[in-house]
Amino acid sequence: MCANRKGDRRERELVNRLDDTGFAVMRAPASGGATQRELPDVLAGNGNAFYAIEAKSSAGDPIYLTGEEVEALVYFSQNFGAKPKIGVRFDREDWYFFHPADVHQTKGGNYRVKKETALDEGETMDELWKDDEDEASKHSVSDVLHAVEQGVLSVDEATEILE
């Protein structure tokens, strides 16, 4: 199956799963020249939580994202008022979600999520629904400052996390 078709199918699957859990959700297929704007793959909200999600799937291990993809996700999220999430799905596994600051950044400036990391540390669909009100407990101050230093988080976003 063509990688683009499989990716599109996975994005539609994610939209349907989010819809089934009570999110208002839409797919924003911007890849492949649909638009010149850098848009996330999926927008979702439930009245308490609003997410901009960059969705990636793979039959193998690991999943890579370019630095530009992550920067565009964070930029859009800040301007839109949504929390940025990277959603990953490995074959025969469920979806798992990460804040960009929680994803391993390679020396080349790209991002990587290993299957083992997704299964051990990823946020599940049910956890997305709960809208982590105490997100600061998940992030140490040094993690948040490191994310600001890398440009993954703005100062305002870091302040919000640490309040």
N, C-alpha and C. Protein backbone atom coordinates (compact mmCIF):
# COMPACT_ATOMS: atom_id res chain seq x y z
N MET A 1 0.85 -1.18 0.00
CA MET A 1 0.00 0.00 0.00
C MET A 1 0.89 1.23 0.00
N CYS A 2 0.53 2.21 -0.76
CA CYS A 2 1.28 3.45 -0.86
C CYS A 2 1.35 4.12 0.52
N ALA A 3 2.53 4.63 0.88
CA ALA A 3 2.71 5.24 2.20
C ALA A 3 1.73 6.37 2.45
N ASN A 4 1.49 7.21 1.42
CA ASN A 4 0.55 8.32 1.60
C ASN A 4 -0.86 7.81 1.87
N ARG A 5 -1.29 6.78 1.15
CA ARG A 5 -2.63 6.24 1.36
C ARG A 5 -2.75 5.63 2.75
N LYS A 6 -1.69 4.96 3.19
CA LYS A 6 -1.72 4.36 4.53
C LYS A 6 -1.75 5.47 5.58
N GLY A 7 -0.97 6.51 5.38
CA GLY A 7 -0.98 7.64 6.31
C GLY A 7 -2.33 8.31 6.38
N ASP A 8 -2.96 8.50 5.21
CA ASP A 8 -4.30 9.09 5.16
C ASP A 8 -5.30 8.21 5.91
N ARG A 9 -5.19 6.91 5.70
CA ARG A 9 -6.10 5.97 6.38
C ARG A 9 -5.91 6.04 7.89
N ARG A 10 -4.66 6.12 8.32
CA ARG A 10 -4.38 6.21 9.76
C ARG A 10 -4.92 7.52 10.34
N GLU A 11 -4.78 8.62 9.60
CA GLU A 11 -5.33 9.90 10.07
C GLU A 11 -6.84 9.83 10.21
N ARG A 12 -7.50 9.22 9.22
CA ARG A 12 -8.96 9.07 9.31
C ARG A 12 -9.34 8.17 10.49
N GLU A 13 -8.56 7.15 10.72
CA GLU A 13 -8.78 6.28 11.88
C GLU A 13 -8.68 7.08 13.18
N LEU A 14 -7.67 7.93 13.28
CA LEU A 14 -7.49 8.76 14.47
C LEU A 14 -8.68 9.69 14.65
N VAL A 15 -9.13 10.32 13.57
CA VAL A 15 -10.29 11.21 13.64
C VAL A 15 -11.50 10.44 14.17
N ASN A 16 -11.74 9.26 13.65
CA ASN A 16 -12.88 8.46 14.09
C ASN A 16 -12.77 8.05 15.55
N ARG A 17 -11.57 7.69 15.98
CA ARG A 17 -11.36 7.31 17.39
C ARG A 17 -11.60 8.49 18.32
N LEU A 18 -11.08 9.65 17.96
CA LEU A 18 -11.31 10.85 18.77
C LEU A 18 -12.79 11.19 18.81
N ASP A 19 -13.45 11.10 17.68
CA ASP A 19 -14.89 11.36 17.61
C ASP A 19 -15.66 10.40 18.51
N ASP A 20 -15.28 9.15 18.52
CA ASP A 20 -15.94 8.14 19.35
C ASP A 20 -15.78 8.42 20.84
N THR A 21 -14.71 9.12 21.22
CA THR A 21 -14.49 9.42 22.64
C THR A 21 -15.06 10.78 23.04
N GLY A 22 -15.77 11.44 22.12
CA GLY A 22 -16.46 12.67 22.49
C GLY A 22 -15.80 13.96 22.04
N PHE A 23 -14.72 13.88 21.29
CA PHE A 23 -14.08 15.09 20.79
C PHE A 23 -14.81 15.58 19.55
N ALA A 24 -14.90 16.89 19.40
CA ALA A 24 -15.21 17.48 18.11
C ALA A 24 -13.88 17.47 17.37
N VAL A 25 -13.87 16.96 16.16
CA VAL A 25 -12.59 16.71 15.51
C VAL A 25 -12.69 16.93 14.00
N MET A 26 -11.59 17.37 13.42
CA MET A 26 -11.51 17.49 11.98
C MET A 26 -10.10 17.18 11.51
N ARG A 27 -10.03 16.61 10.34
CA ARG A 27 -8.75 16.31 9.71
C ARG A 27 -8.39 17.47 8.80
N ALA A 28 -7.16 17.89 8.85
CA ALA A 28 -6.70 19.01 8.02
C ALA A 28 -5.60 18.50 7.09
N PRO A 29 -5.97 17.78 6.03
CA PRO A 29 -4.95 17.20 5.17
C PRO A 29 -4.21 18.27 4.38
N ALA A 30 -3.04 18.64 4.86
CA ALA A 30 -2.29 19.73 4.24
C ALA A 30 -1.07 19.21 3.47
N SER A 31 -0.75 17.94 3.66
CA SER A 31 0.44 17.44 2.97
C SER A 31 0.10 17.15 1.51
N GLY A 32 1.11 16.99 0.71
CA GLY A 32 0.90 16.68 -0.69
C GLY A 32 0.48 17.88 -1.52
N GLY A 33 0.73 19.08 -1.02
CA GLY A 33 0.46 20.27 -1.81
C GLY A 33 -0.95 20.82 -1.71
N ALA A 34 -1.74 20.31 -0.76
CA ALA A 34 -3.11 20.81 -0.61
C ALA A 34 -3.10 22.29 -0.24
N THR A 35 -2.09 22.71 0.48
CA THR A 35 -1.95 24.11 0.86
C THR A 35 -0.48 24.40 1.14
N GLN A 36 -0.10 25.65 1.06
CA GLN A 36 1.27 26.03 1.38
C GLN A 36 1.44 26.28 2.88
N ARG A 37 0.32 26.40 3.59
CA ARG A 37 0.39 26.64 5.03
C ARG A 37 0.76 25.37 5.77
N GLU A 38 1.50 25.53 6.83
CA GLU A 38 1.89 24.41 7.68
C GLU A 38 0.78 24.16 8.69
N LEU A 39 -0.02 23.14 8.47
CA LEU A 39 -1.14 22.82 9.34
C LEU A 39 -0.92 21.47 10.01
N PRO A 40 -1.46 21.29 11.22
CA PRO A 40 -1.39 19.96 11.83
C PRO A 40 -2.32 19.01 11.08
N ASP A 41 -2.16 17.73 11.31
CA ASP A 41 -2.98 16.74 10.62
C ASP A 41 -4.41 16.71 11.15
N VAL A 42 -4.56 16.93 12.47
CA VAL A 42 -5.87 16.80 13.12
C VAL A 42 -6.03 17.90 14.16
N LEU A 43 -7.24 18.47 14.22
CA LEU A 43 -7.62 19.39 15.28
C LEU A 43 -8.74 18.74 16.08
N ALA A 44 -8.65 18.78 17.41
CA ALA A 44 -9.65 18.13 18.25
C ALA A 44 -9.86 18.94 19.53
N GLY A 45 -11.11 18.96 19.98
CA GLY A 45 -11.43 19.64 21.24
C GLY A 45 -12.64 19.00 21.88
N ASN A 46 -12.70 19.10 23.20
CA ASN A 46 -13.85 18.55 23.92
C ASN A 46 -14.48 19.57 24.86
N GLY A 47 -14.20 20.84 24.68
CA GLY A 47 -14.74 21.86 25.56
C GLY A 47 -13.79 22.21 26.69
N ASN A 48 -12.94 21.27 27.08
CA ASN A 48 -11.94 21.50 28.12
C ASN A 48 -10.54 21.53 27.55
N ALA A 49 -10.31 20.68 26.59
CA ALA A 49 -8.97 20.53 26.01
C ALA A 49 -9.06 20.70 24.50
N PHE A 50 -8.07 21.39 23.93
CA PHE A 50 -8.00 21.61 22.50
C PHE A 50 -6.61 21.21 22.03
N TYR A 51 -6.55 20.33 21.03
CA TYR A 51 -5.29 19.78 20.58
C TYR A 51 -5.09 20.00 19.08
N ALA A 52 -3.86 20.30 18.72
CA ALA A 52 -3.39 20.26 17.34
C ALA A 52 -2.45 19.06 17.29
N ILE A 53 -2.75 18.10 16.42
CA ILE A 53 -2.04 16.83 16.43
C ILE A 53 -1.34 16.59 15.10
N GLU A 54 -0.05 16.29 15.19
CA GLU A 54 0.70 15.81 14.03
C GLU A 54 0.73 14.29 14.17
N ALA A 55 0.09 13.59 13.23
CA ALA A 55 -0.07 12.14 13.31
C ALA A 55 0.96 11.43 12.44
N LYS A 56 1.59 10.41 13.01
CA LYS A 56 2.57 9.60 12.28
C LYS A 56 2.32 8.14 12.62
N SER A 57 2.47 7.29 11.62
CA SER A 57 2.33 5.86 11.86
C SER A 57 3.45 5.12 11.13
N SER A 58 3.70 3.91 11.62
CA SER A 58 4.78 3.14 11.02
C SER A 58 4.59 1.66 11.32
N ALA A 59 4.98 0.85 10.35
CA ALA A 59 5.02 -0.59 10.57
C ALA A 59 6.29 -0.97 11.31
N GLY A 60 7.29 -0.11 11.20
CA GLY A 60 8.59 -0.38 11.81
C GLY A 60 8.83 0.46 13.04
N ASP A 61 10.07 0.53 13.39
CA ASP A 61 10.47 1.27 14.58
C ASP A 61 11.78 1.95 14.23
N PRO A 62 11.98 3.18 14.49
CA PRO A 62 11.13 4.18 15.15
C PRO A 62 10.38 5.05 14.14
N ILE A 63 9.66 6.03 14.67
CA ILE A 63 8.99 7.04 13.86
C ILE A 63 9.81 8.32 13.97
N TYR A 64 10.06 8.95 12.82
CA TYR A 64 10.82 10.20 12.78
C TYR A 64 9.93 11.35 12.32
N LEU A 65 10.20 12.52 12.87
CA LEU A 65 9.58 13.77 12.42
C LEU A 65 10.70 14.76 12.17
N THR A 66 10.52 15.59 11.17
CA THR A 66 11.54 16.61 10.93
C THR A 66 11.39 17.72 11.95
N GLY A 67 12.46 18.44 12.16
CA GLY A 67 12.41 19.60 13.04
C GLY A 67 11.39 20.62 12.55
N GLU A 68 11.28 20.76 11.22
CA GLU A 68 10.33 21.70 10.63
C GLU A 68 8.89 21.31 10.93
N GLU A 69 8.58 20.01 10.89
CA GLU A 69 7.23 19.55 11.21
C GLU A 69 6.86 19.91 12.65
N VAL A 70 7.79 19.68 13.56
CA VAL A 70 7.53 19.95 14.97
C VAL A 70 7.43 21.45 15.22
N GLU A 71 8.33 22.22 14.63
CA GLU A 71 8.26 23.68 14.78
C GLU A 71 6.95 24.24 14.25
N ALA A 72 6.50 23.73 13.10
CA ALA A 72 5.23 24.19 12.52
C ALA A 72 4.06 23.82 13.43
N LEU A 73 4.10 22.64 14.02
CA LEU A 73 3.05 22.22 14.95
C LEU A 73 2.99 23.13 16.16
N VAL A 74 4.13 23.42 16.74
CA VAL A 74 4.18 24.29 17.92
C VAL A 74 3.73 25.71 17.56
N TYR A 75 4.19 26.21 16.44
CA TYR A 75 3.81 27.56 15.99
C TYR A 75 2.30 27.65 15.78
N PHE A 76 1.73 26.71 15.05
CA PHE A 76 0.29 26.71 14.81
C PHE A 76 -0.46 26.62 16.14
N SER A 77 -0.04 25.71 17.00
CA SER A 77 -0.72 25.50 18.28
C SER A 77 -0.74 26.76 19.12
N GLN A 78 0.39 27.46 19.18
CA GLN A 78 0.46 28.70 19.96
C GLN A 78 -0.49 29.74 19.39
N ASN A 79 -0.53 29.88 18.09
CA ASN A 79 -1.40 30.88 17.47
C ASN A 79 -2.87 30.50 17.53
N PHE A 80 -3.16 29.22 17.52
CA PHE A 80 -4.54 28.74 17.51
C PHE A 80 -5.12 28.60 18.91
N GLY A 81 -4.24 28.46 19.91
CA GLY A 81 -4.69 28.26 21.29
C GLY A 81 -4.93 26.80 21.64
N ALA A 82 -4.22 25.91 20.96
CA ALA A 82 -4.34 24.48 21.21
C ALA A 82 -3.05 23.95 21.81
N LYS A 83 -3.14 22.79 22.44
CA LYS A 83 -1.94 22.11 22.93
C LYS A 83 -1.37 21.28 21.79
N PRO A 84 -0.08 21.40 21.53
CA PRO A 84 0.52 20.58 20.47
C PRO A 84 0.71 19.15 20.95
N LYS A 85 0.36 18.21 20.10
CA LYS A 85 0.57 16.79 20.41
C LYS A 85 1.10 16.08 19.17
N ILE A 86 2.02 15.19 19.40
CA ILE A 86 2.49 14.29 18.36
C ILE A 86 1.82 12.96 18.63
N GLY A 87 1.01 12.49 17.68
CA GLY A 87 0.32 11.22 17.81
C GLY A 87 1.06 10.17 16.99
N VAL A 88 1.39 9.05 17.63
CA VAL A 88 2.11 7.98 16.93
C VAL A 88 1.33 6.68 17.06
N ARG A 89 1.40 5.91 15.98
CA ARG A 89 0.75 4.59 15.99
C ARG A 89 1.63 3.61 15.24
N PHE A 90 2.00 2.57 15.93
CA PHE A 90 2.76 1.48 15.33
C PHE A 90 1.77 0.36 14.99
N ASP A 91 2.06 -0.40 13.95
CA ASP A 91 1.18 -1.50 13.56
C ASP A 91 0.88 -2.40 14.76
N ARG A 92 -0.37 -2.80 14.85
CA ARG A 92 -0.88 -3.66 15.91
C ARG A 92 -0.81 -3.04 17.30
N GLU A 93 -0.71 -1.71 17.35
CA GLU A 93 -0.72 -0.98 18.62
C GLU A 93 -1.73 0.15 18.52
N ASP A 94 -2.04 0.76 19.65
CA ASP A 94 -2.99 1.87 19.69
C ASP A 94 -2.24 3.17 19.44
N TRP A 95 -2.98 4.27 19.45
CA TRP A 95 -2.38 5.60 19.32
C TRP A 95 -1.80 6.02 20.66
N TYR A 96 -0.66 6.70 20.62
CA TYR A 96 -0.02 7.29 21.80
C TYR A 96 0.36 8.71 21.46
N PHE A 97 0.32 9.59 22.47
CA PHE A 97 0.49 11.01 22.24
C PHE A 97 1.59 11.57 23.14
N PHE A 98 2.30 12.57 22.58
CA PHE A 98 3.40 13.22 23.29
C PHE A 98 3.34 14.72 23.04
N HIS A 99 3.70 15.48 24.05
CA HIS A 99 3.98 16.90 23.84
C HIS A 99 5.34 16.94 23.15
N PRO A 100 5.54 17.86 22.22
CA PRO A 100 6.83 17.91 21.52
C PRO A 100 8.05 17.97 22.45
N ALA A 101 7.90 18.60 23.61
CA ALA A 101 9.03 18.70 24.55
C ALA A 101 9.41 17.35 25.13
N ASP A 102 8.51 16.37 25.02
CA ASP A 102 8.76 15.04 25.58
C ASP A 102 9.30 14.05 24.57
N VAL A 103 9.53 14.51 23.34
CA VAL A 103 10.02 13.63 22.28
C VAL A 103 11.52 13.82 22.12
N HIS A 104 12.22 12.72 21.92
CA HIS A 104 13.68 12.76 21.77
C HIS A 104 14.07 13.57 20.53
N GLN A 105 14.96 14.53 20.73
CA GLN A 105 15.47 15.31 19.61
C GLN A 105 16.85 14.78 19.24
N THR A 106 17.04 14.48 17.96
CA THR A 106 18.31 13.95 17.49
C THR A 106 19.33 15.08 17.37
N LYS A 107 20.60 14.72 17.19
CA LYS A 107 21.65 15.72 17.03
C LYS A 107 21.43 16.57 15.79
N GLY A 108 20.75 16.01 14.78
CA GLY A 108 20.47 16.74 13.55
C GLY A 108 19.26 17.65 13.63
N GLY A 109 18.61 17.70 14.80
CA GLY A 109 17.47 18.59 14.97
C GLY A 109 16.13 17.99 14.61
N ASN A 110 16.11 16.69 14.31
CA ASN A 110 14.86 16.01 14.04
C ASN A 110 14.37 15.34 15.32
N TYR A 111 13.22 14.69 15.25
CA TYR A 111 12.61 14.08 16.43
C TYR A 111 12.36 12.60 16.16
N ARG A 112 12.42 11.80 17.23
CA ARG A 112 12.28 10.36 17.10
C ARG A 112 11.44 9.80 18.25
N VAL A 113 10.52 8.89 17.90
CA VAL A 113 9.75 8.17 18.90
C VAL A 113 9.93 6.69 18.63
N LYS A 114 10.49 5.97 19.59
CA LYS A 114 10.64 4.52 19.47
C LYS A 114 9.35 3.86 19.98
N LYS A 115 9.07 2.70 19.44
CA LYS A 115 7.87 1.95 19.84
C LYS A 115 7.86 1.70 21.34
N GLU A 116 8.99 1.29 21.87
CA GLU A 116 9.10 1.01 23.31
C GLU A 116 8.77 2.25 24.14
N THR A 117 9.25 3.40 23.69
CA THR A 117 8.98 4.67 24.37
C THR A 117 7.49 5.00 24.32
N ALA A 118 6.90 4.79 23.15
CA ALA A 118 5.46 5.08 23.00
C ALA A 118 4.65 4.22 23.96
N LEU A 119 4.94 2.94 24.03
CA LEU A 119 4.19 2.03 24.89
C LEU A 119 4.41 2.33 26.37
N ASP A 120 5.62 2.73 26.74
CA ASP A 120 5.95 2.98 28.15
C ASP A 120 5.56 4.37 28.63
N GLU A 121 5.70 5.38 27.76
CA GLU A 121 5.58 6.76 28.22
C GLU A 121 4.49 7.57 27.51
N GLY A 122 3.94 7.05 26.43
CA GLY A 122 2.96 7.79 25.67
C GLY A 122 1.63 7.95 26.40
N GLU A 123 0.97 9.04 26.09
CA GLU A 123 -0.35 9.33 26.64
C GLU A 123 -1.38 8.58 25.79
N THR A 124 -2.33 7.92 26.44
CA THR A 124 -3.35 7.16 25.72
C THR A 124 -4.51 8.08 25.32
N MET A 125 -5.39 7.55 24.51
CA MET A 125 -6.58 8.28 24.09
C MET A 125 -7.42 8.69 25.31
N ASP A 126 -7.56 7.78 26.28
CA ASP A 126 -8.33 8.10 27.48
C ASP A 126 -7.69 9.24 28.27
N GLU A 127 -6.37 9.27 28.31
CA GLU A 127 -5.68 10.33 29.03
C GLU A 127 -5.84 11.67 28.34
N LEU A 128 -5.93 11.68 27.03
CA LEU A 128 -6.19 12.94 26.32
C LEU A 128 -7.52 13.53 26.76
N TRP A 129 -8.51 12.67 26.90
CA TRP A 129 -9.86 13.11 27.24
C TRP A 129 -9.87 13.83 28.59
N LYS A 130 -9.04 13.39 29.50
CA LYS A 130 -9.05 13.94 30.86
C LYS A 130 -8.43 15.32 30.97
N ASP A 131 -7.76 15.80 29.92
CA ASP A 131 -7.12 17.11 29.92
C ASP A 131 -6.31 17.35 31.19
N ASP A 132 -5.11 16.88 31.18
CA ASP A 132 -4.22 16.97 32.35
C ASP A 132 -4.20 18.38 32.94
N GLU A 133 -5.01 18.58 33.96
CA GLU A 133 -5.02 19.90 34.62
C GLU A 133 -3.75 20.13 35.41
N ASP A 134 -3.14 19.06 35.84
CA ASP A 134 -1.92 19.20 36.62
C ASP A 134 -0.72 18.80 35.77
N GLU A 135 -0.62 19.40 34.59
CA GLU A 135 0.45 19.05 33.65
C GLU A 135 1.82 19.34 34.23
N ALA A 136 1.91 20.29 35.11
CA ALA A 136 3.21 20.63 35.70
C ALA A 136 3.82 19.45 36.44
N SER A 137 2.98 18.59 37.01
CA SER A 137 3.51 17.45 37.74
C SER A 137 4.21 16.47 36.80
N LYS A 138 3.90 16.51 35.51
CA LYS A 138 4.52 15.62 34.54
C LYS A 138 5.87 16.15 34.05
N HIS A 139 6.14 17.41 34.29
CA HIS A 139 7.33 18.03 33.74
C HIS A 139 8.15 18.66 34.86
N SER A 140 9.41 18.32 34.92
CA SER A 140 10.26 19.00 35.86
C SER A 140 10.58 20.38 35.31
N VAL A 141 10.96 21.28 36.18
CA VAL A 141 11.31 22.63 35.76
C VAL A 141 12.42 22.58 34.73
N SER A 142 13.41 21.71 34.93
CA SER A 142 14.52 21.65 33.97
C SER A 142 14.05 21.15 32.61
N ASP A 143 13.08 20.21 32.56
CA ASP A 143 12.53 19.75 31.29
C ASP A 143 11.87 20.91 30.54
N VAL A 144 11.10 21.69 31.26
CA VAL A 144 10.39 22.81 30.64
C VAL A 144 11.39 23.86 30.15
N LEU A 145 12.40 24.18 30.97
CA LEU A 145 13.41 25.16 30.55
C LEU A 145 14.20 24.65 29.35
N HIS A 146 14.47 23.37 29.32
CA HIS A 146 15.18 22.79 28.17
C HIS A 146 14.33 22.93 26.91
N ALA A 147 13.03 22.71 27.03
CA ALA A 147 12.13 22.84 25.87
C ALA A 147 12.09 24.29 25.38
N VAL A 148 12.15 25.25 26.31
CA VAL A 148 12.19 26.67 25.91
C VAL A 148 13.50 26.95 25.19
N GLU A 149 14.58 26.45 25.72
CA GLU A 149 15.89 26.65 25.11
C GLU A 149 15.95 26.08 23.70
N GLN A 150 15.30 24.94 23.47
CA GLN A 150 15.28 24.31 22.14
C GLN A 150 14.32 25.01 21.18
N GLY A 151 13.48 25.87 21.73
CA GLY A 151 12.50 26.55 20.88
C GLY A 151 11.22 25.75 20.69
N VAL A 152 11.07 24.66 21.43
CA VAL A 152 9.87 23.83 21.33
C VAL A 152 8.70 24.48 22.07
N LEU A 153 9.01 25.16 23.17
CA LEU A 153 8.00 25.87 23.95
C LEU A 153 8.32 27.35 23.98
N SER A 154 7.26 28.15 23.97
CA SER A 154 7.45 29.59 24.17
C SER A 154 7.53 29.84 25.68
N VAL A 155 7.98 31.02 26.05
CA VAL A 155 8.03 31.39 27.47
C VAL A 155 6.62 31.37 28.06
N ASP A 156 5.64 31.87 27.31
CA ASP A 156 4.25 31.87 27.80
C ASP A 156 3.74 30.45 28.02
N GLU A 157 4.04 29.56 27.08
CA GLU A 157 3.59 28.18 27.21
C GLU A 157 4.27 27.50 28.40
N ALA A 158 5.56 27.78 28.59
CA ALA A 158 6.28 27.22 29.73
C ALA A 158 5.71 27.74 31.04
N THR A 159 5.37 29.02 31.07
CA THR A 159 4.77 29.61 32.28
C THR A 159 3.46 28.91 32.60
N GLU A 160 2.65 28.69 31.58
CA GLU A 160 1.36 28.02 31.77
C GLU A 160 1.54 26.61 32.34
N ILE A 161 2.52 25.88 31.83
CA ILE A 161 2.78 24.53 32.30
C ILE A 161 3.22 24.54 33.77
N LEU A 162 4.04 25.51 34.14
CA LEU A 162 4.61 25.53 35.49
C LEU A 162 3.71 26.19 36.54
N GLU A 163 2.64 26.83 36.10
CA GLU A 163 1.74 27.47 37.10
C GLU A 163 0.92 26.46 37.85
